[in-house]
Amino acid sequence: MSRVKATFTLDEHVVNELAEFSKGLSKKKSHIIETALSIYFDMMDVKLAEKISDAVDSGDEELIPAEDAWKELGLD
């Protein structure tokens, strides 16, 4: 997996906390941020799945059989 440099702005308190954790854990700040974002994205995956499930349950979204989707995409 390639590495990409990113620049963004954070609240000063968050930056200070990140520096303290980095020092205390002897981990690079980028490692801590990457780990935290990975955990956060996993949680968001669950929230998105729940939202979609709720939409299906309420009738706002409709499921279609995989075979129909494959046929529509020409993958049958």
N, C-alpha and C. Protein backbone atom coordinates (compact mmCIF):
# COMPACT_ATOMS: atom_id res chain seq x y z
N MET A 1 0.85 -1.17 0.00
CA MET A 1 0.00 0.00 0.00
C MET A 1 0.90 1.24 0.00
N SER A 2 0.63 2.17 -0.87
CA SER A 2 1.45 3.38 -0.94
C SER A 2 1.06 4.37 0.15
N ARG A 3 1.99 5.22 0.49
CA ARG A 3 1.77 6.24 1.51
C ARG A 3 1.55 7.57 0.80
N VAL A 4 0.63 8.37 1.30
CA VAL A 4 0.32 9.68 0.74
C VAL A 4 0.42 10.71 1.84
N LYS A 5 1.08 11.80 1.56
CA LYS A 5 1.18 12.87 2.54
C LYS A 5 -0.09 13.71 2.47
N ALA A 6 -0.68 14.01 3.64
CA ALA A 6 -1.91 14.80 3.71
C ALA A 6 -1.72 15.94 4.70
N THR A 7 -2.35 17.04 4.41
CA THR A 7 -2.28 18.19 5.30
C THR A 7 -3.70 18.59 5.68
N PHE A 8 -3.94 18.80 6.97
CA PHE A 8 -5.24 19.24 7.43
C PHE A 8 -5.08 20.00 8.74
N THR A 9 -6.12 20.70 9.13
CA THR A 9 -6.09 21.53 10.32
C THR A 9 -6.87 20.85 11.44
N LEU A 10 -6.30 20.86 12.64
CA LEU A 10 -6.94 20.27 13.81
C LEU A 10 -6.97 21.29 14.94
N ASP A 11 -7.89 21.11 15.85
CA ASP A 11 -7.96 21.93 17.04
C ASP A 11 -6.65 21.77 17.83
N GLU A 12 -6.18 22.86 18.40
CA GLU A 12 -4.91 22.83 19.14
C GLU A 12 -4.92 21.79 20.26
N HIS A 13 -6.04 21.66 20.93
CA HIS A 13 -6.16 20.67 22.01
C HIS A 13 -5.93 19.26 21.47
N VAL A 14 -6.48 18.96 20.32
CA VAL A 14 -6.32 17.63 19.72
C VAL A 14 -4.86 17.39 19.35
N VAL A 15 -4.21 18.40 18.79
CA VAL A 15 -2.80 18.28 18.41
C VAL A 15 -1.94 18.05 19.65
N ASN A 16 -2.23 18.77 20.72
CA ASN A 16 -1.46 18.58 21.96
C ASN A 16 -1.67 17.19 22.54
N GLU A 17 -2.90 16.72 22.51
CA GLU A 17 -3.18 15.37 23.00
C GLU A 17 -2.48 14.31 22.15
N LEU A 18 -2.51 14.52 20.85
CA LEU A 18 -1.83 13.61 19.94
C LEU A 18 -0.34 13.55 20.25
N ALA A 19 0.27 14.70 20.49
CA ALA A 19 1.70 14.75 20.81
C ALA A 19 1.99 13.99 22.11
N GLU A 20 1.13 14.14 23.11
CA GLU A 20 1.31 13.44 24.38
C GLU A 20 1.20 11.93 24.20
N PHE A 21 0.20 11.49 23.46
CA PHE A 21 0.06 10.05 23.21
C PHE A 21 1.24 9.52 22.41
N SER A 22 1.66 10.28 21.43
CA SER A 22 2.80 9.88 20.61
C SER A 22 4.04 9.68 21.47
N LYS A 23 4.29 10.62 22.33
CA LYS A 23 5.45 10.55 23.21
C LYS A 23 5.30 9.39 24.20
N GLY A 24 4.14 9.29 24.83
CA GLY A 24 3.90 8.25 25.84
C GLY A 24 3.93 6.85 25.29
N LEU A 25 3.46 6.68 24.08
CA LEU A 25 3.41 5.35 23.46
C LEU A 25 4.63 5.05 22.58
N SER A 26 5.47 6.05 22.39
CA SER A 26 6.62 5.93 21.48
C SER A 26 6.16 5.50 20.09
N LYS A 27 5.10 6.12 19.64
CA LYS A 27 4.55 5.86 18.30
C LYS A 27 4.52 7.16 17.52
N LYS A 28 4.69 7.07 16.22
CA LYS A 28 4.60 8.26 15.38
C LYS A 28 3.16 8.77 15.39
N LYS A 29 3.04 10.09 15.31
CA LYS A 29 1.71 10.69 15.29
C LYS A 29 0.91 10.16 14.09
N SER A 30 1.55 9.98 12.96
CA SER A 30 0.84 9.48 11.78
C SER A 30 0.30 8.07 12.02
N HIS A 31 1.04 7.26 12.79
CA HIS A 31 0.57 5.91 13.11
C HIS A 31 -0.69 5.97 13.98
N ILE A 32 -0.67 6.86 14.97
CA ILE A 32 -1.82 7.00 15.87
C ILE A 32 -3.04 7.49 15.09
N ILE A 33 -2.85 8.48 14.23
CA ILE A 33 -3.96 9.01 13.43
C ILE A 33 -4.50 7.95 12.49
N GLU A 34 -3.60 7.22 11.83
CA GLU A 34 -4.04 6.17 10.90
C GLU A 34 -4.83 5.09 11.62
N THR A 35 -4.36 4.68 12.80
CA THR A 35 -5.07 3.67 13.59
C THR A 35 -6.43 4.19 14.03
N ALA A 36 -6.45 5.43 14.52
CA ALA A 36 -7.72 6.01 14.98
C ALA A 36 -8.72 6.12 13.84
N LEU A 37 -8.27 6.56 12.68
CA LEU A 37 -9.18 6.68 11.53
C LEU A 37 -9.67 5.32 11.06
N SER A 38 -8.81 4.33 11.10
CA SER A 38 -9.22 2.98 10.71
C SER A 38 -10.34 2.47 11.62
N ILE A 39 -10.19 2.67 12.92
CA ILE A 39 -11.22 2.27 13.88
C ILE A 39 -12.51 3.07 13.64
N TYR A 40 -12.36 4.37 13.42
CA TYR A 40 -13.51 5.23 13.17
C TYR A 40 -14.25 4.80 11.90
N PHE A 41 -13.51 4.51 10.84
CA PHE A 41 -14.15 4.08 9.59
C PHE A 41 -14.89 2.76 9.77
N ASP A 42 -14.33 1.85 10.58
CA ASP A 42 -15.04 0.59 10.86
C ASP A 42 -16.37 0.88 11.56
N MET A 43 -16.36 1.82 12.49
CA MET A 43 -17.60 2.19 13.19
C MET A 43 -18.59 2.82 12.21
N MET A 44 -18.11 3.64 11.30
CA MET A 44 -18.99 4.29 10.33
C MET A 44 -19.57 3.27 9.36
N ASP A 45 -18.81 2.22 9.03
CA ASP A 45 -19.34 1.14 8.19
C ASP A 45 -20.56 0.52 8.85
N VAL A 46 -20.49 0.29 10.15
CA VAL A 46 -21.61 -0.29 10.89
C VAL A 46 -22.80 0.67 10.86
N LYS A 47 -22.55 1.96 11.11
CA LYS A 47 -23.64 2.94 11.10
C LYS A 47 -24.30 3.02 9.72
N LEU A 48 -23.50 2.98 8.66
CA LEU A 48 -24.05 3.03 7.30
C LEU A 48 -24.88 1.78 7.02
N ALA A 49 -24.37 0.63 7.43
CA ALA A 49 -25.12 -0.62 7.24
C ALA A 49 -26.45 -0.57 7.98
N GLU A 50 -26.43 -0.04 9.21
CA GLU A 50 -27.67 0.09 9.98
C GLU A 50 -28.64 1.04 9.30
N LYS A 51 -28.13 2.13 8.76
CA LYS A 51 -28.98 3.10 8.07
C LYS A 51 -29.63 2.47 6.84
N ILE A 52 -28.86 1.72 6.08
CA ILE A 52 -29.40 1.05 4.90
C ILE A 52 -30.42 -0.01 5.32
N SER A 53 -30.10 -0.76 6.36
CA SER A 53 -31.02 -1.78 6.85
C SER A 53 -32.34 -1.16 7.31
N ASP A 54 -32.25 -0.04 8.02
CA ASP A 54 -33.46 0.67 8.46
C ASP A 54 -34.27 1.15 7.27
N ALA A 55 -33.60 1.63 6.23
CA ALA A 55 -34.30 2.11 5.03
C ALA A 55 -35.00 0.95 4.32
N VAL A 56 -34.38 -0.21 4.30
CA VAL A 56 -35.01 -1.39 3.70
C VAL A 56 -36.21 -1.80 4.55
N ASP A 57 -36.03 -1.84 5.87
CA ASP A 57 -37.12 -2.23 6.77
C ASP A 57 -38.32 -1.29 6.67
N SER A 58 -38.05 0.00 6.47
CA SER A 58 -39.14 0.98 6.40
C SER A 58 -39.77 1.06 5.02
N GLY A 59 -39.15 0.38 4.04
CA GLY A 59 -39.68 0.41 2.68
C GLY A 59 -39.16 1.56 1.84
N ASP A 60 -38.25 2.37 2.39
CA ASP A 60 -37.67 3.48 1.63
C ASP A 60 -36.67 2.99 0.58
N GLU A 61 -36.09 1.83 0.82
CA GLU A 61 -35.16 1.21 -0.13
C GLU A 61 -35.64 -0.20 -0.40
N GLU A 62 -35.37 -0.68 -1.60
CA GLU A 62 -35.80 -2.01 -1.98
C GLU A 62 -34.60 -2.85 -2.37
N LEU A 63 -34.56 -4.07 -1.89
CA LEU A 63 -33.50 -5.00 -2.26
C LEU A 63 -33.86 -5.68 -3.59
N ILE A 64 -32.84 -5.95 -4.37
CA ILE A 64 -33.06 -6.73 -5.59
C ILE A 64 -32.17 -7.97 -5.52
N PRO A 65 -32.64 -9.08 -6.06
CA PRO A 65 -31.82 -10.29 -6.03
C PRO A 65 -30.50 -10.08 -6.77
N ALA A 66 -29.45 -10.71 -6.27
CA ALA A 66 -28.12 -10.58 -6.88
C ALA A 66 -28.15 -10.99 -8.35
N GLU A 67 -28.92 -12.04 -8.66
CA GLU A 67 -28.99 -12.53 -10.04
C GLU A 67 -29.51 -11.44 -10.97
N ASP A 68 -30.49 -10.65 -10.50
CA ASP A 68 -31.02 -9.56 -11.31
C ASP A 68 -29.97 -8.47 -11.52
N ALA A 69 -29.22 -8.18 -10.48
CA ALA A 69 -28.16 -7.16 -10.60
C ALA A 69 -27.08 -7.62 -11.56
N TRP A 70 -26.68 -8.88 -11.44
CA TRP A 70 -25.65 -9.41 -12.34
C TRP A 70 -26.12 -9.36 -13.79
N LYS A 71 -27.40 -9.71 -13.99
CA LYS A 71 -27.94 -9.70 -15.36
C LYS A 71 -27.95 -8.27 -15.89
N GLU A 72 -28.37 -7.31 -15.07
CA GLU A 72 -28.40 -5.91 -15.50
C GLU A 72 -27.01 -5.39 -15.84
N LEU A 73 -26.00 -5.89 -15.14
CA LEU A 73 -24.63 -5.48 -15.38
C LEU A 73 -23.93 -6.31 -16.44
N GLY A 74 -24.65 -7.29 -16.99
CA GLY A 74 -24.09 -8.14 -18.03
C GLY A 74 -23.11 -9.18 -17.49
N LEU A 75 -23.27 -9.54 -16.22
CA LEU A 75 -22.36 -10.49 -15.59
C LEU A 75 -22.99 -11.86 -15.42
N ASP A 76 -24.12 -12.09 -16.03
CA ASP A 76 -24.80 -13.38 -15.84
C ASP A 76 -24.20 -14.49 -16.62
